[in-house]
Structures are given as C-alpha cells and as structure tokens.
C-alpha cells in the first residue's frame, strides 16, 4: 500500500484553507452583529444598523452553507 503524499498534502491544504475561511466568515458575522446590536454613539441608527444585520446574516449563512456541504459530503445519502 502506497501513500500518494501529493494528494494527501492537497487535501490537507484545502481543508486548512476552508477551515480558515469559515472561521473568518463566522468572526466577521459576530463583529457585524455586535455593530448592529450596539452601534457606536456617533453613528446614526437606521441604514447602518440594517446593513450590519444583513452582513451578519450573510456571513452566518455562508458559514452554515459550508458546514452543511461538508456534512453532505461525509454522510452517505
């Protein structure tokens, strides 16, 4: 039994990259949500709050989509 080290390194690299992307997207979602819930005192409410909420929802949805796709790949169906 031989191990194809190039393929193994490729899988490791892609897994590491996707993990970093998901963590960054989720972190950006948390930061945007914090801005939506508790905006800075000098920033007027309204459009800024709606944009922050939309950005948070988009980041969380992207993280959820990647996680769901990973589960779909793992679980036979």
Protein backbone atom coordinates (compact mmCIF):
# COMPACT_ATOMS: atom_id res chain seq x y z
CA UNK A 1 0.00 0.00 0.00
CA UNK A 2 1.49 3.29 -1.11
CA UNK A 3 0.54 6.74 0.07
CA UNK A 4 0.24 9.46 -2.52
CA UNK A 5 1.82 12.25 -0.49
CA UNK A 6 1.00 14.94 -3.03
CA UNK A 7 -2.71 14.18 -2.87
CA UNK A 8 -2.61 13.96 0.92
CA UNK A 9 -0.91 17.36 1.11
CA UNK A 10 -3.50 18.79 -1.28
CA UNK A 11 -6.38 17.52 0.85
CA UNK A 12 -4.69 18.93 3.94
CA UNK A 13 -4.18 22.31 2.28
CA UNK A 14 -7.76 22.58 1.05
CA UNK A 15 -9.13 21.51 4.44
CA UNK A 16 -6.97 24.04 6.24
CA UNK A 17 -7.97 26.79 3.81
CA UNK A 18 -11.70 26.08 4.11
CA UNK A 19 -11.40 25.96 7.89
CA UNK A 20 -9.73 29.37 7.96
CA UNK A 21 -12.37 30.82 5.61
CA UNK A 22 -15.25 29.52 7.75
CA UNK A 23 -13.70 30.82 10.98
CA UNK A 24 -13.08 34.24 9.42
CA UNK A 25 -16.61 34.42 7.99
CA UNK A 26 -18.16 33.48 11.33
CA UNK A 27 -15.96 36.02 13.14
CA UNK A 28 -16.97 38.74 10.69
CA UNK A 29 -20.59 37.77 11.27
CA UNK A 30 -20.16 38.16 15.03
CA UNK A 31 -18.47 41.53 14.60
CA UNK A 32 -21.22 42.77 12.28
CA UNK A 33 -23.90 41.50 14.64
CA UNK A 34 -22.25 43.32 17.55
CA UNK A 35 -22.30 46.53 15.49
CA UNK A 36 -25.96 46.01 14.66
CA UNK A 37 -27.00 45.38 18.25
CA UNK A 38 -24.81 48.03 19.90
CA UNK A 39 -23.73 50.70 17.39
CA UNK A 40 -21.20 53.39 18.18
CA UNK A 41 -22.72 56.50 19.79
CA UNK A 42 -21.70 58.83 16.95
CA UNK A 43 -23.20 56.63 14.22
CA UNK A 44 -26.86 57.32 13.41
CA UNK A 45 -29.18 54.34 13.62
CA UNK A 46 -31.12 53.18 10.63
CA UNK A 47 -29.34 52.22 7.45
CA UNK A 48 -26.06 51.38 9.21
CA UNK A 49 -27.86 49.03 11.59
CA UNK A 50 -29.73 47.34 8.73
CA UNK A 51 -26.52 46.89 6.72
CA UNK A 52 -24.72 45.41 9.72
CA UNK A 53 -27.60 43.00 10.32
CA UNK A 54 -27.62 41.97 6.65
CA UNK A 55 -23.84 41.46 6.66
CA UNK A 56 -24.08 39.33 9.80
CA UNK A 57 -26.84 37.21 8.28
CA UNK A 58 -24.86 36.76 5.07
CA UNK A 59 -21.72 35.69 6.95
CA UNK A 60 -23.67 33.24 9.13
CA UNK A 61 -25.48 31.84 6.09
CA UNK A 62 -22.18 31.30 4.26
CA UNK A 63 -20.71 29.51 7.29
CA UNK A 64 -23.82 27.35 7.58
CA UNK A 65 -23.75 26.52 3.86
CA UNK A 66 -20.12 25.36 4.02
CA UNK A 67 -20.83 23.26 7.13
CA UNK A 68 -23.93 21.71 5.53
CA UNK A 69 -21.99 20.91 2.37
CA UNK A 70 -19.26 19.23 4.44
CA UNK A 71 -21.84 17.14 6.27
CA UNK A 72 -23.43 16.24 2.94
CA UNK A 73 -20.07 15.00 1.69
CA UNK A 74 -19.48 12.89 4.78
CA UNK A 75 -22.93 11.37 5.35
CA UNK A 76 -23.93 8.91 2.65
CA UNK A 77 -27.29 9.64 1.17
